[in-house]
Amino acid sequence: MQSDLVFPRAVDLAPPVQKPALKAPWHLFLIGSAAVLWSLLGVFDFLATATLYPPYMERFPAEAQAYWSALPDWLYGTWALGVFAGLAGAMLLVKRRISAVRVLVFSAACTLLTMAASFSLPAPAYDGNRVSAVCIIVVSLLILNYAVHQAKRGVLR
């Protein structure tokens, strides 16, 4: 006589159920590509400022150039970590990797630390300095927010 199959044994015999992979929404590639371009601008800005690239730096007043020349090395370090992590996070977002969220959190933290430190230092009376810093923070947080929402929806793997 055949014995009854107990439930735990039946579960073991059943094939595993996999969640179907969500198709990437069209806006993921649009926003991800825009984030990569934005991050490339940040990388260029950092490299041009750190190396005092003359064609780039001559568009700023002398006070602003002296201010950036006098920044401490650790501030340049956090700035570099922020922009390069932002580029890596944006590229991971386009590739639909869940690790994009962690990398973008690190980038946003470095950005906030860099901007907070630069706000605490006496800055020249350059009009675009504070406005651009606030815009950078806002865009960084918006990209991070988008990545978090895509991860919650299951788009990032």
Protein backbone atom coordinates (compact mmCIF):
# COMPACT_ATOMS: atom_id res chain seq x y z
CA MET A 1 0.00 0.00 0.00
CA GLN A 2 1.18 3.52 -0.80
CA SER A 3 1.78 5.84 2.12
CA ASP A 4 0.52 9.40 2.19
CA LEU A 5 2.99 12.09 1.29
CA VAL A 6 3.61 14.50 4.16
CA PHE A 7 3.59 18.21 3.43
CA PRO A 8 7.28 18.99 4.16
CA ARG A 9 8.32 16.17 1.83
CA ALA A 10 5.97 17.43 -0.88
CA VAL A 11 7.50 20.91 -0.61
CA ASP A 12 10.96 19.41 -1.09
CA LEU A 13 9.82 17.60 -4.23
CA ALA A 14 8.12 20.62 -5.81
CA PRO A 15 10.17 22.68 -8.26
CA PRO A 16 11.33 26.03 -6.89
CA VAL A 17 9.20 28.99 -7.78
CA GLN A 18 11.19 31.89 -9.15
CA LYS A 19 10.00 35.43 -9.37
CA PRO A 20 10.03 36.56 -12.95
CA ALA A 21 12.64 39.22 -13.61
CA LEU A 22 11.06 42.61 -14.01
CA LYS A 23 11.68 44.28 -17.31
CA ALA A 24 13.65 47.48 -16.91
CA PRO A 25 11.41 50.51 -17.35
CA TRP A 26 12.32 52.88 -20.18
CA HIS A 27 13.13 55.67 -17.71
CA LEU A 28 15.84 53.61 -16.00
CA PHE A 29 18.14 53.98 -18.98
CA LEU A 30 17.19 57.62 -19.50
CA ILE A 31 17.76 58.63 -15.88
CA GLY A 32 20.75 56.31 -15.51
CA SER A 33 22.40 57.76 -18.62
CA ALA A 34 21.70 61.29 -17.40
CA ALA A 35 23.24 60.34 -14.04
CA VAL A 36 26.36 59.03 -15.80
CA LEU A 37 26.69 62.29 -17.75
CA TRP A 38 26.12 64.34 -14.59
CA SER A 39 28.76 62.30 -12.78
CA LEU A 40 31.21 62.73 -15.65
CA LEU A 41 30.77 66.49 -15.29
CA GLY A 42 31.58 66.12 -11.60
CA VAL A 43 34.68 64.06 -12.35
CA PHE A 44 35.82 66.63 -14.91
CA ASP A 45 35.20 69.48 -12.47
CA PHE A 46 37.20 67.72 -9.78
CA LEU A 47 40.12 66.85 -12.06
CA ALA A 48 40.24 70.30 -13.64
CA THR A 49 40.12 72.00 -10.23
CA ALA A 50 42.60 69.66 -8.55
CA THR A 51 45.13 70.04 -11.37
CA LEU A 52 44.38 73.77 -11.81
CA TYR A 53 43.73 73.19 -15.51
CA PRO A 54 44.26 76.70 -16.96
CA PRO A 55 41.48 76.80 -19.62
CA TYR A 56 38.98 75.73 -16.96
CA MET A 57 40.27 77.78 -14.05
CA GLU A 58 40.65 81.10 -15.84
CA ARG A 59 36.87 81.51 -16.04
CA PHE A 60 36.76 81.90 -12.24
CA PRO A 61 37.79 85.01 -10.33
CA ALA A 62 41.21 85.05 -8.66
CA GLU A 63 39.63 84.79 -5.17
CA ALA A 64 37.86 81.55 -6.12
CA GLN A 65 41.06 80.11 -7.58
CA ALA A 66 42.97 80.97 -4.40
CA TYR A 67 40.17 79.41 -2.31
CA TRP A 68 40.36 76.09 -4.18
CA SER A 69 44.15 76.10 -4.05
CA ALA A 70 44.04 76.47 -0.27
CA LEU A 71 41.58 73.61 0.40
CA PRO A 72 43.00 70.88 2.65
CA ASP A 73 44.01 67.57 1.10
CA TRP A 74 41.42 65.57 3.04
CA LEU A 75 38.69 67.73 1.49
CA TYR A 76 40.03 66.97 -1.97
CA GLY A 77 40.04 63.30 -0.96
CA THR A 78 36.38 63.27 0.06
CA TRP A 79 35.53 65.24 -3.05
CA ALA A 80 37.32 62.66 -5.20
CA LEU A 81 35.60 59.77 -3.41
CA GLY A 82 32.22 61.42 -3.89
CA VAL A 83 32.51 62.11 -7.62
CA PHE A 84 34.13 58.81 -8.56
CA ALA A 85 31.68 56.82 -6.42
CA GLY A 86 28.85 58.79 -8.03
CA LEU A 87 30.11 57.79 -11.47
CA ALA A 88 30.44 54.14 -10.43
CA GLY A 89 26.97 54.19 -8.84
CA ALA A 90 25.40 55.70 -11.94
CA MET A 91 27.05 53.08 -14.14
CA LEU A 92 25.83 50.33 -11.81
CA LEU A 93 22.34 51.82 -11.99
CA VAL A 94 22.37 51.57 -15.78
CA LYS A 95 23.55 47.95 -15.45
CA ARG A 96 20.65 47.31 -13.02
CA ARG A 97 22.88 46.25 -10.13
CA ILE A 98 21.54 46.45 -6.58
CA SER A 99 25.00 47.53 -5.40
CA ALA A 100 24.30 50.88 -7.09
CA VAL A 101 22.29 51.88 -4.02
CA ARG A 102 25.20 51.32 -1.61
CA VAL A 103 27.67 53.08 -3.86
CA LEU A 104 25.30 56.03 -4.35
CA VAL A 105 24.74 56.25 -0.57
CA PHE A 106 28.51 56.45 -0.12
CA SER A 107 28.75 59.08 -2.86
CA ALA A 108 25.97 61.17 -1.32
CA ALA A 109 27.61 60.95 2.12
CA CYS A 110 30.94 62.09 0.68
CA THR A 111 29.19 64.90 -1.19
CA LEU A 112 27.40 66.08 1.94
CA LEU A 113 30.62 65.94 3.97
CA THR A 114 32.54 67.84 1.31
CA MET A 115 29.89 70.52 0.96
CA ALA A 116 29.46 70.89 4.73
CA ALA A 117 33.20 71.29 5.15
CA SER A 118 33.43 73.78 2.30
CA PHE A 119 30.52 75.76 3.77
CA SER A 120 32.35 75.94 7.08
CA LEU A 121 35.41 77.52 5.44
CA PRO A 122 35.38 81.20 4.54
CA ALA A 123 34.50 81.31 0.86
CA PRO A 124 35.06 84.08 -1.67
CA ALA A 125 32.12 86.19 -2.73
CA TYR A 126 31.71 84.21 -5.94
CA ASP A 127 28.05 84.21 -6.96
CA GLY A 128 27.69 80.64 -8.20
CA ASN A 129 29.65 78.91 -5.43
CA ARG A 130 26.86 78.27 -2.89
CA VAL A 131 24.09 77.85 -5.46
CA SER A 132 25.99 75.20 -7.39
CA ALA A 133 26.80 73.38 -4.13
CA VAL A 134 23.12 73.16 -3.22
CA CYS A 135 22.26 71.97 -6.75
CA ILE A 136 24.92 69.24 -6.52
CA ILE A 137 23.52 68.03 -3.20
CA VAL A 138 19.94 68.00 -4.52
CA VAL A 139 20.82 66.10 -7.71
CA SER A 140 22.91 63.60 -5.73
CA LEU A 141 19.99 62.89 -3.40
CA LEU A 142 17.52 62.66 -6.30
CA ILE A 143 19.65 60.05 -8.08
CA LEU A 144 19.98 58.10 -4.82
CA ASN A 145 16.22 58.31 -4.25
CA TYR A 146 15.55 56.99 -7.75
CA ALA A 147 17.94 54.07 -7.23
CA VAL A 148 16.31 53.19 -3.90
CA HIS A 149 12.85 53.17 -5.48
CA GLN A 150 14.01 50.98 -8.35
CA ALA A 151 15.61 48.57 -5.88
CA LYS A 152 12.36 48.38 -3.88
CA ARG A 153 10.41 47.63 -7.06
CA GLY A 154 12.78 44.78 -7.83
CA VAL A 155 14.21 46.31 -11.00
CA LEU A 156 17.76 46.22 -9.66
CA ARG A 157 19.22 42.78 -9.04
